[in-house]
Amino acid sequence: MQRSILAKPKEKTRLRAHKRMFQFVRRNLKQLMDLRERATRELGKKCRSNPELRGWLGDIKTAQLRIQAILHQQKLVRRGIKHIPNRIVSFHKDHVRPIVRDKFPLGTEFGPKVLFALVRGCMYRVAVFQNNVADAFLVTSALRWFYTKFGRLPREVLGDRGFFARWRVQALKAMGILPGLQQRGKAIEKSPTHRRQIRQRLPIEALISLGKRKFGWSRCRARIDEHEASWIGLGAAAMNVHRAYYCDSS
């Protein structure tokens, strides 16, 4: 029995399929523009007293502008221009930016970048970013949040290797904060303090993975960036309640 192998389509085949899909989109865009023009002409007077009709026409206009922007951006991509500012990667969430993580199995993630802080066993949502911000610069946001919430700076800061930078470590030491950032390179410190920091840092990654799998961080259905931040904050609150109840009951 022979097994058929699914090969990757040729570039010419992909371009032909993309051309047909864009032709369908242009046809649907024309239909949407005709619908908006006819609806505005027939329902224009009723929109003054009916906010639902006014909102419906506004949604049609937003969809029309978004489709036109996507077609323009795809035209630039076909010309070979890869770096397009504010490129739309999701029709329903035009604010979402692709974040390259180079992690298995998904090398690119689509969604907000969230900064969490674990303080005395409680998970806090510090900040939400829609762009791929360098982790080393997030330490400043975390310190500012900690000082605003607790009225003082932390004695120690733990973080994975993404937060590590030599200038960041020197800045933390100058502030009197013990840096517990995972080092990069071959010359890695192996002191008892460093081993203790590793033991304390590993559960943080486990809690973030638990929040994605069990508390809905990776299943957000909100389409507005502020609602996404609220969804993630509620998930963190639910995790804290669950951990408190579990610890008390055990």
Protein backbone atom coordinates (compact mmCIF):
# COMPACT_ATOMS: atom_id res chain seq x y z
CA MET A 1 0.00 0.00 0.00
CA GLN A 2 1.50 3.30 -1.09
CA ARG A 3 1.37 6.31 1.17
CA SER A 4 0.75 9.71 -0.39
CA ILE A 5 3.12 12.44 0.75
CA LEU A 6 1.67 15.92 1.20
CA ALA A 7 4.32 18.18 -0.29
CA LYS A 8 4.54 21.91 0.16
CA PRO A 9 2.86 23.76 -2.73
CA LYS A 10 5.07 25.55 -5.18
CA GLU A 11 5.44 29.30 -4.98
CA LYS A 12 3.58 29.75 -8.27
CA THR A 13 0.65 27.72 -6.94
CA ARG A 14 0.54 29.75 -3.73
CA LEU A 15 0.61 33.04 -5.61
CA ARG A 16 -2.22 31.89 -7.83
CA ALA A 17 -4.32 30.89 -4.81
CA HIS A 18 -3.60 34.21 -3.10
CA LYS A 19 -4.62 36.10 -6.22
CA ARG A 20 -7.98 34.32 -6.29
CA MET A 21 -8.61 34.99 -2.60
CA PHE A 22 -7.88 38.69 -3.04
CA GLN A 23 -10.24 38.79 -6.00
CA PHE A 24 -12.97 37.37 -3.74
CA VAL A 25 -12.16 39.99 -1.08
CA ARG A 26 -12.36 42.83 -3.61
CA ARG A 27 -15.72 41.52 -4.80
CA ASN A 28 -17.05 41.32 -1.24
CA LEU A 29 -15.67 44.79 -0.53
CA LYS A 30 -17.61 46.22 -3.44
CA GLN A 31 -20.78 44.50 -2.19
CA LEU A 32 -20.18 45.93 1.28
CA MET A 33 -19.68 49.44 -0.12
CA ASP A 34 -22.90 49.16 -2.14
CA LEU A 35 -24.76 47.96 0.96
CA ARG A 36 -23.45 50.85 3.02
CA GLU A 37 -24.40 53.40 0.36
CA ARG A 38 -27.92 52.01 -0.02
CA ALA A 39 -28.44 51.72 3.74
CA THR A 40 -27.20 55.26 4.32
CA ARG A 41 -29.54 56.58 1.66
CA GLU A 42 -32.62 54.74 2.97
CA LEU A 43 -31.94 54.80 6.73
CA GLY A 44 -30.08 58.08 7.07
CA LYS A 45 -33.00 59.97 8.59
CA LYS A 46 -33.81 57.21 11.09
CA CYS A 47 -30.24 57.15 12.43
CA ARG A 48 -30.78 60.40 14.31
CA SER A 49 -33.32 58.78 16.63
CA ASN A 50 -32.09 55.16 16.54
CA PRO A 51 -28.61 54.58 18.03
CA GLU A 52 -28.63 50.90 16.98
CA LEU A 53 -28.87 51.82 13.31
CA ARG A 54 -26.18 54.43 13.78
CA GLY A 55 -23.91 51.87 15.40
CA TRP A 56 -24.63 49.32 12.66
CA LEU A 57 -23.66 51.79 9.94
CA GLY A 58 -20.54 52.64 11.94
CA ASP A 59 -19.57 48.95 12.07
CA ILE A 60 -19.97 48.68 8.30
CA LYS A 61 -17.74 51.71 7.79
CA THR A 62 -15.10 50.30 10.16
CA ALA A 63 -15.10 46.96 8.33
CA GLN A 64 -14.81 48.72 4.98
CA LEU A 65 -11.80 50.78 6.07
CA ARG A 66 -10.15 47.75 7.62
CA ILE A 67 -10.56 45.67 4.46
CA GLN A 68 -9.13 48.46 2.34
CA ALA A 69 -6.11 48.71 4.66
CA ILE A 70 -5.54 44.94 4.48
CA LEU A 71 -5.68 44.94 0.68
CA HIS A 72 -3.20 47.81 0.55
CA GLN A 73 -0.82 46.08 2.95
CA GLN A 74 -1.00 42.81 1.01
CA LYS A 75 -0.20 44.71 -2.18
CA LEU A 76 2.97 45.98 -0.48
CA VAL A 77 3.85 42.45 0.61
CA ARG A 78 3.52 41.16 -2.96
CA ARG A 79 5.94 43.87 -4.02
CA GLY A 80 8.53 42.51 -1.60
CA ILE A 81 8.09 45.02 1.25
CA LYS A 82 8.14 42.99 4.47
CA HIS A 83 8.42 45.71 7.17
CA ILE A 84 5.00 47.39 7.25
CA PRO A 85 4.15 49.59 10.26
CA ASN A 86 0.93 48.61 12.09
CA ARG A 87 0.31 45.67 9.79
CA ILE A 88 -3.07 44.05 10.40
CA VAL A 89 -2.73 40.34 11.19
CA SER A 90 -6.24 39.79 12.55
CA PHE A 91 -9.46 41.23 11.12
CA HIS A 92 -11.35 41.21 14.43
CA LYS A 93 -8.32 42.37 16.48
CA ASP A 94 -6.48 44.90 14.36
CA HIS A 95 -4.38 45.98 17.38
CA VAL A 96 -2.76 42.55 17.76
CA ARG A 97 0.93 42.41 16.85
CA PRO A 98 2.96 39.27 16.06
CA ILE A 99 5.54 38.47 18.73
CA VAL A 100 8.40 36.20 17.65
CA ARG A 101 9.29 33.85 20.49
CA ASP A 102 11.25 31.07 18.71
CA LYS A 103 9.73 28.49 21.03
CA PHE A 104 8.39 25.05 20.16
CA PRO A 105 5.79 24.38 18.80
CA LEU A 106 4.78 27.96 17.93
CA GLY A 107 7.58 30.28 16.93
CA THR A 108 5.29 33.32 16.71
CA GLU A 109 2.55 34.31 19.15
CA PHE A 110 -0.32 36.68 18.42
CA GLY A 111 -1.61 38.57 21.40
CA PRO A 112 -0.59 40.96 24.16
CA LYS A 113 2.66 40.71 26.05
CA VAL A 114 1.90 40.68 29.76
CA LEU A 115 4.22 41.49 32.64
CA PHE A 116 3.38 39.55 35.82
CA ALA A 117 4.80 39.83 39.32
CA LEU A 118 4.73 37.10 41.93
CA VAL A 119 4.84 38.62 45.40
CA ARG A 120 4.46 36.35 48.45
CA GLY A 121 2.65 33.71 46.43
CA CYS A 122 0.16 36.10 44.78
CA MET A 123 0.19 36.74 41.04
CA TYR A 124 -0.26 40.37 39.94
CA ARG A 125 -0.77 41.74 36.46
CA VAL A 126 1.67 44.65 36.21
CA ALA A 127 1.33 45.85 32.61
CA VAL A 128 0.04 44.78 29.20
CA PHE A 129 1.89 45.60 25.97
CA GLN A 130 0.68 45.11 22.41
CA ASN A 131 4.20 45.38 20.96
CA ASN A 132 7.18 43.12 21.46
CA VAL A 133 8.95 45.14 24.15
CA ALA A 134 12.43 44.05 25.23
CA ASP A 135 12.25 42.21 28.56
CA ALA A 136 15.23 44.07 29.99
CA PHE A 137 13.25 47.33 29.89
CA LEU A 138 10.30 45.74 31.72
CA VAL A 139 12.21 45.65 35.00
CA THR A 140 11.75 49.41 35.32
CA SER A 141 7.97 49.04 34.96
CA ALA A 142 7.97 46.27 37.57
CA LEU A 143 9.97 48.36 40.06
CA ARG A 144 7.73 51.36 39.53
CA TRP A 145 4.63 49.20 40.08
CA PHE A 146 6.09 47.62 43.22
CA TYR A 147 6.99 50.99 44.74
CA THR A 148 3.52 52.40 43.96
CA LYS A 149 1.75 49.41 45.49
CA PHE A 150 3.91 48.65 48.53
CA GLY A 151 5.65 52.00 49.15
CA ARG A 152 9.18 50.62 48.91
CA LEU A 153 11.52 48.85 46.51
CA PRO A 154 11.89 45.06 46.63
CA ARG A 155 14.91 43.48 48.27
CA GLU A 156 15.37 41.04 45.39
CA VAL A 157 14.24 40.73 41.76
CA LEU A 158 13.96 37.32 40.06
CA GLY A 159 13.50 36.79 36.32
CA ASP A 160 14.41 34.51 33.43
CA ARG A 161 17.22 35.11 30.94
CA GLY A 162 15.11 37.48 28.86
CA PHE A 163 15.36 40.08 31.64
CA PHE A 164 19.13 39.74 31.96
CA ALA A 165 21.42 42.53 30.84
CA ARG A 166 24.71 43.61 32.37
CA TRP A 167 23.64 47.23 32.61
CA ARG A 168 20.40 46.11 34.28
CA VAL A 169 22.26 44.05 36.88
CA GLN A 170 24.57 46.97 37.66
CA ALA A 171 21.59 49.32 38.01
CA LEU A 172 19.84 46.96 40.44
CA LYS A 173 22.98 46.64 42.57
CA ALA A 174 23.34 50.42 42.64
CA MET A 175 19.78 50.65 43.96
CA GLY A 176 20.52 48.13 46.71
CA ILE A 177 18.44 45.35 45.10
CA LEU A 178 19.79 41.83 44.83
CA PRO A 179 19.56 40.82 41.12
CA GLY A 180 18.29 37.29 40.56
CA LEU A 181 18.12 37.38 36.76
CA GLN A 182 19.09 34.24 34.87
CA GLN A 183 22.48 34.85 33.31
CA ARG A 184 23.47 34.38 29.69
CA GLY A 185 26.68 33.06 28.22
CA LYS A 186 29.15 30.43 29.40
CA ALA A 187 30.52 32.14 32.52
CA ILE A 188 27.50 31.51 34.76
CA GLU A 189 27.71 32.04 38.49
CA LYS A 190 27.23 28.89 40.60
CA SER A 191 27.19 30.25 44.13
CA PRO A 192 24.73 29.06 46.82
CA THR A 193 22.80 32.31 46.38
CA HIS A 194 22.47 31.66 42.66
CA ARG A 195 21.22 28.10 43.23
CA ARG A 196 18.65 29.39 45.71
CA GLN A 197 17.44 31.94 43.17
CA ILE A 198 17.03 29.19 40.58
CA ARG A 199 14.86 27.20 42.99
CA GLN A 200 12.72 30.26 43.61
CA ARG A 201 12.50 31.21 39.94
CA LEU A 202 11.34 27.87 38.52
CA PRO A 203 7.86 27.91 40.15
CA ILE A 204 7.16 31.29 38.52
CA GLU A 205 7.36 29.75 35.03
CA ALA A 206 5.14 26.89 36.21
CA LEU A 207 2.50 29.34 37.45
CA ILE A 208 2.49 31.21 34.13
CA SER A 209 2.02 27.92 32.27
CA LEU A 210 -0.79 27.00 34.69
CA GLY A 211 -2.51 30.32 34.02
CA LYS A 212 -2.40 29.71 30.26
CA ARG A 213 -3.73 26.14 30.47
CA LYS A 214 -6.21 26.28 33.35
CA PHE A 215 -7.25 29.90 33.92
CA GLY A 216 -7.96 31.03 30.37
CA TRP A 217 -5.02 33.31 29.57
CA SER A 218 -4.57 31.64 26.18
CA ARG A 219 -8.32 31.50 25.42
CA CYS A 220 -9.19 35.18 25.46
CA ARG A 221 -12.17 36.01 23.24
CA ALA A 222 -12.17 39.75 23.85
CA ARG A 223 -11.70 41.93 20.77
CA ILE A 224 -10.70 45.18 22.51
CA ASP A 225 -7.28 45.61 24.06
CA GLU A 226 -8.67 47.00 27.34
CA HIS A 227 -10.98 43.99 27.63
CA GLU A 228 -8.02 41.66 27.04
CA ALA A 229 -6.19 43.26 29.96
CA SER A 230 -9.28 42.83 32.16
CA TRP A 231 -9.59 39.18 31.10
CA ILE A 232 -5.99 38.47 32.07
CA GLY A 233 -6.35 40.32 35.37
CA LEU A 234 -9.45 38.31 36.27
CA GLY A 235 -7.59 35.11 35.43
CA ALA A 236 -4.79 36.10 37.78
CA ALA A 237 -7.33 36.88 40.53
CA ALA A 238 -8.99 33.50 40.00
CA MET A 239 -5.60 31.81 40.28
CA ASN A 240 -4.87 33.59 43.55
CA VAL A 241 -8.26 32.58 44.99
CA HIS A 242 -7.75 28.99 43.87
CA ARG A 243 -4.29 28.80 45.42
CA ALA A 244 -5.48 30.38 48.67
CA TYR A 245 -8.42 27.98 48.94
CA TYR A 246 -6.26 24.99 48.04
CA CYS A 247 -3.58 25.88 50.58
CA ASP A 248 -6.16 26.51 53.32
CA SER A 249 -8.03 23.28 52.63
CA SER A 250 -4.85 21.22 52.52
